[in-house]
Amino acid sequence: MIIGRVKGNIWATRKEESLKGYKLLLVQPIDLAGEPSGRVLVAGDKLGAGEGELVLVVHGSSARMVADGRDVPIDATVVGIIDTVEVERARVLSCDEAGARE
């Protein structure tokens, strides 16, 4: 799993039929200090995440499993919108610090 920050949306008026219902997001993986860590990826989202929010993303075969067993051409999926991340009882990331929308 990857922790990331939503950087934007991808609008596609025409896309593969099996992607219907998915919002496509640009997600920047981040480290526990909130700094960029790796390349921006495109992730499918059915949870309604928005720009600036922290999200939990799965990729590879796990991303396709989220699609209720459907054969969906997707390799990254948002599986959670993060409120806070704690390490050894100390908050290291929170949605407020990530610049999430109000």
Protein backbone atom coordinates (compact mmCIF):
# COMPACT_ATOMS: atom_id res chain seq x y z
CA MET A 1 0.00 0.00 0.00
CA ILE A 2 1.02 3.57 -0.65
CA ILE A 3 0.24 6.79 1.20
CA GLY A 4 -0.26 9.64 -1.23
CA ARG A 5 -1.66 13.11 -1.71
CA VAL A 6 -4.23 13.77 -4.42
CA LYS A 7 -2.74 16.33 -6.80
CA GLY A 8 -5.54 16.52 -9.35
CA ASN A 9 -8.15 14.83 -11.52
CA ILE A 10 -8.11 13.29 -14.95
CA TRP A 11 -11.23 13.95 -16.98
CA ALA A 12 -11.95 11.36 -19.68
CA THR A 13 -15.27 11.69 -21.44
CA ARG A 14 -14.61 8.37 -23.16
CA LYS A 15 -12.99 5.48 -21.36
CA GLU A 16 -13.10 1.70 -21.12
CA GLU A 17 -16.63 0.59 -20.18
CA SER A 18 -15.39 -1.34 -17.12
CA LEU A 19 -13.99 1.91 -15.67
CA LYS A 20 -17.48 3.39 -15.43
CA GLY A 21 -18.04 4.70 -11.91
CA TYR A 22 -14.34 5.34 -11.28
CA LYS A 23 -13.02 8.87 -10.84
CA LEU A 24 -9.41 9.05 -12.06
CA LEU A 25 -7.01 10.88 -9.75
CA LEU A 26 -3.38 11.99 -9.95
CA VAL A 27 -1.75 10.83 -6.70
CA GLN A 28 1.72 11.79 -5.49
CA PRO A 29 3.18 9.12 -3.18
CA ILE A 30 4.61 10.70 -0.02
CA ASP A 31 6.87 9.63 2.84
CA LEU A 32 6.04 9.98 6.55
CA ALA A 33 7.37 13.54 6.54
CA GLY A 34 4.82 14.43 3.85
CA GLU A 35 7.50 14.83 1.18
CA PRO A 36 7.09 13.46 -2.37
CA SER A 37 8.36 9.90 -2.69
CA GLY A 38 8.28 8.44 -6.16
CA ARG A 39 6.43 9.18 -9.37
CA VAL A 40 2.90 10.54 -9.61
CA LEU A 41 0.44 7.79 -10.48
CA VAL A 42 -3.10 7.56 -11.78
CA ALA A 43 -5.48 5.83 -9.38
CA GLY A 44 -9.12 4.89 -9.76
CA ASP A 45 -11.37 6.16 -6.99
CA LYS A 46 -14.92 5.28 -5.93
CA LEU A 47 -14.68 6.87 -2.48
CA GLY A 48 -14.82 10.51 -3.54
CA ALA A 49 -11.34 11.71 -2.58
CA GLY A 50 -10.52 15.27 -3.55
CA GLU A 51 -7.50 17.39 -4.33
CA GLY A 52 -5.13 17.81 -1.37
CA GLU A 53 -6.47 14.84 0.59
CA LEU A 54 -4.31 12.02 1.90
CA VAL A 55 -5.24 8.64 0.47
CA LEU A 56 -4.30 5.00 0.83
CA VAL A 57 -3.65 3.37 -2.54
CA VAL A 58 -3.16 -0.26 -3.53
CA HIS A 59 -1.57 -1.23 -6.82
CA GLY A 60 -1.05 -4.24 -9.03
CA SER A 61 -3.38 -7.20 -8.67
CA SER A 62 -4.73 -5.82 -5.37
CA ALA A 63 -6.13 -2.81 -7.26
CA ARG A 64 -8.17 -5.08 -9.53
CA MET A 65 -9.49 -7.08 -6.56
CA VAL A 66 -11.27 -3.96 -5.28
CA ALA A 67 -13.44 -4.04 -8.41
CA ASP A 68 -15.68 -6.84 -7.03
CA GLY A 69 -13.94 -9.48 -9.09
CA ARG A 70 -14.54 -7.64 -12.33
CA ASP A 71 -11.91 -7.62 -15.02
CA VAL A 72 -10.98 -3.93 -14.81
CA PRO A 73 -7.91 -2.50 -16.58
CA ILE A 74 -6.60 -0.63 -13.54
CA ASP A 75 -3.33 -0.90 -11.63
CA ALA A 76 -3.89 1.57 -8.77
CA THR A 77 -7.03 2.12 -6.67
CA VAL A 78 -7.83 4.41 -3.74
CA VAL A 79 -8.99 2.21 -0.85
CA GLY A 80 -9.06 4.81 1.92
CA ILE A 81 -9.14 8.52 2.66
CA ILE A 82 -6.71 9.14 5.52
CA ASP A 83 -7.54 11.26 8.55
CA THR A 84 -4.28 10.79 10.49
CA VAL A 85 -1.13 8.68 10.45
CA GLU A 86 0.49 7.86 13.79
CA VAL A 87 3.87 6.25 14.40
CA GLU A 88 4.77 5.20 17.95
CA ARG A 89 1.81 7.21 19.28
CA ALA A 90 2.97 10.40 17.59
CA ARG A 91 0.96 11.97 14.78
CA VAL A 92 3.18 12.28 11.73
CA LEU A 93 0.57 13.18 9.11
CA SER A 94 -2.98 14.43 9.22
CA CYS A 95 -5.51 15.60 6.69
CA ASP A 96 -5.22 19.17 8.08
CA GLU A 97 -1.49 19.26 7.38
CA ALA A 98 -1.93 17.81 3.91
CA GLY A 99 -3.82 20.83 2.63
CA ALA A 100 -7.10 18.97 2.31
CA ARG A 101 -10.13 20.93 1.21
CA GLU A 102 -12.42 22.25 3.94
